[in-house]
Amino acid sequence: MWVQPTEEELFKRYNPELQKKSLERRYEKQKDFDDFVTRLKEYSKSDKPIWTVQEEAIRKQKQESLRQDFQNAEEAKARQDAMRKEAGLIEGAGKI
């Protein structure tokens, strides 16, 4: 029969610096796990296998990210063109 220390006993054996890092990351890890479980619950509502639904969700997320990046680039280009027009760097930009 083997005797194993509890998580609390192991934590107490950490050096103080590791304890501090562990405590700082605890909330982040718990949030990541909760998000993961929430996504799994959403995926399980489908009639499809979870891995198929997960792949579709990842694909949709990538498409949305690309769309958002494209939109941000278009907005930045429009702002840049507007600033050039105001500075008179583009021909025919309101010369009198």
N, C-alpha and C. Protein backbone atom coordinates (compact mmCIF):
# COMPACT_ATOMS: atom_id res chain seq x y z
N MET A 1 0.85 -1.19 0.00
CA MET A 1 0.00 0.00 0.00
C MET A 1 0.89 1.25 0.00
N TRP A 2 0.57 2.16 -0.88
CA TRP A 2 1.35 3.39 -1.03
C TRP A 2 0.63 4.55 -0.35
N VAL A 3 1.42 5.41 0.24
CA VAL A 3 0.88 6.61 0.86
C VAL A 3 1.25 7.79 -0.02
N GLN A 4 0.24 8.52 -0.42
CA GLN A 4 0.48 9.68 -1.29
C GLN A 4 0.10 10.94 -0.54
N PRO A 5 0.92 11.98 -0.68
CA PRO A 5 0.57 13.25 -0.03
C PRO A 5 -0.62 13.91 -0.74
N THR A 6 -1.36 14.68 -0.02
CA THR A 6 -2.49 15.41 -0.62
C THR A 6 -1.94 16.60 -1.40
N GLU A 7 -2.80 17.22 -2.16
CA GLU A 7 -2.37 18.39 -2.93
C GLU A 7 -1.91 19.51 -2.00
N GLU A 8 -2.59 19.65 -0.89
CA GLU A 8 -2.23 20.69 0.07
C GLU A 8 -0.85 20.44 0.67
N GLU A 9 -0.55 19.18 0.98
CA GLU A 9 0.77 18.85 1.53
C GLU A 9 1.86 19.11 0.50
N LEU A 10 1.59 18.77 -0.74
CA LEU A 10 2.57 19.06 -1.80
C LEU A 10 2.78 20.55 -1.97
N PHE A 11 1.69 21.31 -1.94
CA PHE A 11 1.77 22.75 -2.10
C PHE A 11 2.61 23.37 -0.99
N LYS A 12 2.46 22.88 0.23
CA LYS A 12 3.23 23.41 1.36
C LYS A 12 4.72 23.11 1.22
N ARG A 13 5.08 22.09 0.45
CA ARG A 13 6.49 21.74 0.25
C ARG A 13 7.14 22.60 -0.84
N TYR A 14 6.35 23.31 -1.63
CA TYR A 14 6.91 24.20 -2.65
C TYR A 14 7.74 25.29 -1.97
N ASN A 15 8.70 25.81 -2.70
CA ASN A 15 9.39 26.98 -2.15
C ASN A 15 8.45 28.18 -2.29
N PRO A 16 8.66 29.22 -1.52
CA PRO A 16 7.72 30.36 -1.51
C PRO A 16 7.49 30.98 -2.89
N GLU A 17 8.52 31.01 -3.70
CA GLU A 17 8.37 31.60 -5.03
C GLU A 17 7.41 30.77 -5.89
N LEU A 18 7.54 29.46 -5.84
CA LEU A 18 6.63 28.59 -6.59
C LEU A 18 5.21 28.68 -6.06
N GLN A 19 5.07 28.80 -4.75
CA GLN A 19 3.73 28.96 -4.17
C GLN A 19 3.07 30.22 -4.70
N LYS A 20 3.84 31.29 -4.75
CA LYS A 20 3.31 32.57 -5.23
C LYS A 20 2.87 32.44 -6.69
N LYS A 21 3.73 31.85 -7.54
CA LYS A 21 3.38 31.68 -8.96
C LYS A 21 2.15 30.80 -9.12
N SER A 22 2.09 29.75 -8.31
CA SER A 22 0.95 28.83 -8.40
C SER A 22 -0.34 29.54 -8.03
N LEU A 23 -0.30 30.33 -7.00
CA LEU A 23 -1.50 31.07 -6.58
C LEU A 23 -1.91 32.10 -7.63
N GLU A 24 -0.93 32.74 -8.27
CA GLU A 24 -1.24 33.74 -9.28
C GLU A 24 -1.90 33.11 -10.50
N ARG A 25 -1.48 31.92 -10.86
CA ARG A 25 -2.00 31.26 -12.06
C ARG A 25 -3.26 30.44 -11.77
N ARG A 26 -3.60 30.26 -10.51
CA ARG A 26 -4.74 29.42 -10.17
C ARG A 26 -6.03 29.92 -10.80
N TYR A 27 -6.29 31.22 -10.68
CA TYR A 27 -7.52 31.79 -11.24
C TYR A 27 -7.55 31.60 -12.76
N GLU A 28 -6.42 31.86 -13.41
CA GLU A 28 -6.35 31.73 -14.86
C GLU A 28 -6.60 30.29 -15.31
N LYS A 29 -5.99 29.35 -14.62
CA LYS A 29 -6.19 27.94 -14.96
C LYS A 29 -7.63 27.51 -14.73
N GLN A 30 -8.23 27.96 -13.63
CA GLN A 30 -9.62 27.62 -13.34
C GLN A 30 -10.55 28.19 -14.39
N LYS A 31 -10.28 29.43 -14.82
CA LYS A 31 -11.11 30.05 -15.85
C LYS A 31 -10.97 29.29 -17.17
N ASP A 32 -9.75 28.91 -17.54
CA ASP A 32 -9.54 28.15 -18.77
C ASP A 32 -10.29 26.81 -18.72
N PHE A 33 -10.23 26.15 -17.59
CA PHE A 33 -10.92 24.87 -17.44
C PHE A 33 -12.43 25.06 -17.53
N ASP A 34 -12.94 26.09 -16.88
CA ASP A 34 -14.38 26.36 -16.93
C ASP A 34 -14.84 26.66 -18.35
N ASP A 35 -14.03 27.43 -19.08
CA ASP A 35 -14.36 27.72 -20.48
C ASP A 35 -14.36 26.45 -21.32
N PHE A 36 -13.39 25.59 -21.08
CA PHE A 36 -13.30 24.33 -21.80
C PHE A 36 -14.53 23.47 -21.54
N VAL A 37 -14.93 23.36 -20.28
CA VAL A 37 -16.10 22.54 -19.94
C VAL A 37 -17.36 23.15 -20.55
N THR A 38 -17.47 24.46 -20.53
CA THR A 38 -18.63 25.13 -21.12
C THR A 38 -18.71 24.84 -22.62
N ARG A 39 -17.56 24.92 -23.31
CA ARG A 39 -17.55 24.62 -24.74
C ARG A 39 -17.93 23.16 -24.99
N LEU A 40 -17.42 22.25 -24.17
CA LEU A 40 -17.78 20.84 -24.33
C LEU A 40 -19.28 20.62 -24.17
N LYS A 41 -19.87 21.31 -23.21
CA LYS A 41 -21.32 21.18 -23.01
C LYS A 41 -22.07 21.68 -24.23
N GLU A 42 -21.61 22.79 -24.81
CA GLU A 42 -22.24 23.31 -26.02
C GLU A 42 -22.08 22.33 -27.18
N TYR A 43 -20.88 21.78 -27.32
CA TYR A 43 -20.63 20.83 -28.40
C TYR A 43 -21.48 19.58 -28.24
N SER A 44 -21.72 19.16 -27.01
CA SER A 44 -22.46 17.92 -26.79
C SER A 44 -23.95 18.07 -27.11
N LYS A 45 -24.44 19.29 -27.25
CA LYS A 45 -25.85 19.50 -27.57
C LYS A 45 -26.16 19.11 -29.02
N SER A 46 -25.13 19.05 -29.84
CA SER A 46 -25.31 18.70 -31.24
C SER A 46 -25.46 17.19 -31.41
N ASP A 47 -26.05 16.80 -32.53
CA ASP A 47 -26.18 15.37 -32.85
C ASP A 47 -24.87 14.82 -33.40
N LYS A 48 -23.98 15.70 -33.79
CA LYS A 48 -22.69 15.29 -34.36
C LYS A 48 -21.72 14.92 -33.24
N PRO A 49 -20.66 14.18 -33.58
CA PRO A 49 -19.62 13.90 -32.59
C PRO A 49 -18.95 15.19 -32.11
N ILE A 50 -18.50 15.19 -30.87
CA ILE A 50 -17.92 16.39 -30.27
C ILE A 50 -16.74 16.90 -31.08
N TRP A 51 -15.86 15.99 -31.54
CA TRP A 51 -14.67 16.44 -32.27
C TRP A 51 -15.03 17.10 -33.58
N THR A 52 -16.13 16.68 -34.21
CA THR A 52 -16.57 17.31 -35.45
C THR A 52 -17.09 18.73 -35.17
N VAL A 53 -17.88 18.85 -34.13
CA VAL A 53 -18.42 20.16 -33.77
C VAL A 53 -17.28 21.09 -33.35
N GLN A 54 -16.29 20.54 -32.64
CA GLN A 54 -15.14 21.34 -32.22
C GLN A 54 -14.36 21.86 -33.43
N GLU A 55 -14.14 21.00 -34.41
CA GLU A 55 -13.44 21.43 -35.62
C GLU A 55 -14.21 22.53 -36.34
N GLU A 56 -15.53 22.38 -36.41
CA GLU A 56 -16.35 23.41 -37.05
C GLU A 56 -16.26 24.73 -36.28
N ALA A 57 -16.28 24.65 -34.96
CA ALA A 57 -16.19 25.86 -34.14
C ALA A 57 -14.84 26.54 -34.34
N ILE A 58 -13.78 25.76 -34.42
CA ILE A 58 -12.44 26.31 -34.64
C ILE A 58 -12.38 26.97 -36.02
N ARG A 59 -12.95 26.31 -37.01
CA ARG A 59 -12.96 26.87 -38.37
C ARG A 59 -13.74 28.19 -38.39
N LYS A 60 -14.89 28.23 -37.73
CA LYS A 60 -15.68 29.46 -37.69
C LYS A 60 -14.92 30.57 -36.97
N GLN A 61 -14.22 30.20 -35.90
CA GLN A 61 -13.45 31.19 -35.15
C GLN A 61 -12.33 31.76 -36.01
N LYS A 62 -11.64 30.91 -36.78
CA LYS A 62 -10.58 31.38 -37.66
C LYS A 62 -11.14 32.30 -38.74
N GLN A 63 -12.29 31.92 -39.32
CA GLN A 63 -12.91 32.76 -40.34
C GLN A 63 -13.30 34.12 -39.78
N GLU A 64 -13.85 34.11 -38.57
CA GLU A 64 -14.25 35.36 -37.93
C GLU A 64 -13.02 36.22 -37.64
N SER A 65 -11.96 35.59 -37.21
CA SER A 65 -10.72 36.32 -36.94
C SER A 65 -10.15 36.93 -38.22
N LEU A 66 -10.14 36.17 -39.31
CA LEU A 66 -9.67 36.70 -40.59
C LEU A 66 -10.55 37.84 -41.08
N ARG A 67 -11.86 37.69 -40.92
CA ARG A 67 -12.79 38.75 -41.33
C ARG A 67 -12.54 40.02 -40.52
N GLN A 68 -12.33 39.85 -39.22
CA GLN A 68 -12.08 41.00 -38.35
C GLN A 68 -10.75 41.67 -38.71
N ASP A 69 -9.72 40.86 -38.99
CA ASP A 69 -8.43 41.42 -39.39
C ASP A 69 -8.56 42.21 -40.70
N PHE A 70 -9.32 41.65 -41.66
CA PHE A 70 -9.53 42.33 -42.94
C PHE A 70 -10.27 43.65 -42.72
N GLN A 71 -11.29 43.62 -41.88
CA GLN A 71 -12.07 44.83 -41.61
C GLN A 71 -11.19 45.88 -40.94
N ASN A 72 -10.35 45.46 -39.99
CA ASN A 72 -9.46 46.41 -39.32
C ASN A 72 -8.46 47.01 -40.31
N ALA A 73 -7.95 46.19 -41.23
CA ALA A 73 -7.01 46.69 -42.24
C ALA A 73 -7.69 47.69 -43.15
N GLU A 74 -8.94 47.41 -43.55
CA GLU A 74 -9.69 48.33 -44.41
C GLU A 74 -9.93 49.66 -43.70
N GLU A 75 -10.28 49.60 -42.41
CA GLU A 75 -10.51 50.83 -41.65
C GLU A 75 -9.23 51.63 -41.51
N ALA A 76 -8.11 50.95 -41.28
CA ALA A 76 -6.82 51.64 -41.16
C ALA A 76 -6.45 52.30 -42.49
N LYS A 77 -6.70 51.62 -43.60
CA LYS A 77 -6.40 52.19 -44.92
C LYS A 77 -7.28 53.41 -45.19
N ALA A 78 -8.55 53.32 -44.80
CA ALA A 78 -9.45 54.45 -45.00
C ALA A 78 -9.00 55.66 -44.17
N ARG A 79 -8.57 55.41 -42.94
CA ARG A 79 -8.09 56.51 -42.09
C ARG A 79 -6.82 57.12 -42.69
N GLN A 80 -5.93 56.26 -43.20
CA GLN A 80 -4.69 56.74 -43.80
C GLN A 80 -4.98 57.58 -45.03
N ASP A 81 -5.91 57.12 -45.88
CA ASP A 81 -6.29 57.89 -47.07
C ASP A 81 -6.90 59.23 -46.67
N ALA A 82 -7.73 59.24 -45.64
CA ALA A 82 -8.36 60.48 -45.19
C ALA A 82 -7.30 61.46 -44.69
N MET A 83 -6.31 60.96 -43.98
CA MET A 83 -5.25 61.84 -43.48
C MET A 83 -4.42 62.38 -44.64
N ARG A 84 -4.18 61.57 -45.67
CA ARG A 84 -3.43 62.03 -46.83
C ARG A 84 -4.20 63.12 -47.58
N LYS A 85 -5.52 62.93 -47.71
CA LYS A 85 -6.34 63.95 -48.37
C LYS A 85 -6.28 65.26 -47.61
N GLU A 86 -6.37 65.18 -46.27
CA GLU A 86 -6.32 66.39 -45.47
C GLU A 86 -4.97 67.09 -45.60
N ALA A 87 -3.91 66.30 -45.74
CA ALA A 87 -2.57 66.88 -45.86
C ALA A 87 -2.28 67.34 -47.27
N GLY A 88 -3.15 67.01 -48.23
CA GLY A 88 -2.98 67.43 -49.62
C GLY A 88 -1.99 66.57 -50.37
N LEU A 89 -1.75 65.35 -49.92
CA LEU A 89 -0.77 64.49 -50.57
C LEU A 89 -1.36 63.72 -51.75
N ILE A 90 -2.67 63.70 -51.85
CA ILE A 90 -3.33 63.00 -52.96
C ILE A 90 -3.81 64.03 -53.96
N GLU A 91 -3.48 63.83 -55.24
CA GLU A 91 -3.86 64.81 -56.27
C GLU A 91 -5.38 64.95 -56.34
N GLY A 92 -5.80 66.15 -56.58
CA GLY A 92 -7.22 66.42 -56.73
C GLY A 92 -7.96 66.40 -55.40
N ALA A 93 -7.23 66.61 -54.34
CA ALA A 93 -7.86 66.57 -53.02
C ALA A 93 -8.23 67.99 -52.59
N GLY A 94 -9.12 68.58 -53.30
CA GLY A 94 -9.67 69.88 -52.89
C GLY A 94 -8.77 71.07 -53.18
N LYS A 95 -7.94 71.01 -54.24
CA LYS A 95 -7.12 72.17 -54.59
C LYS A 95 -8.00 73.21 -55.27
N ILE A 96 -7.80 74.47 -54.91
CA ILE A 96 -8.60 75.54 -55.48
C ILE A 96 -7.77 76.43 -56.34
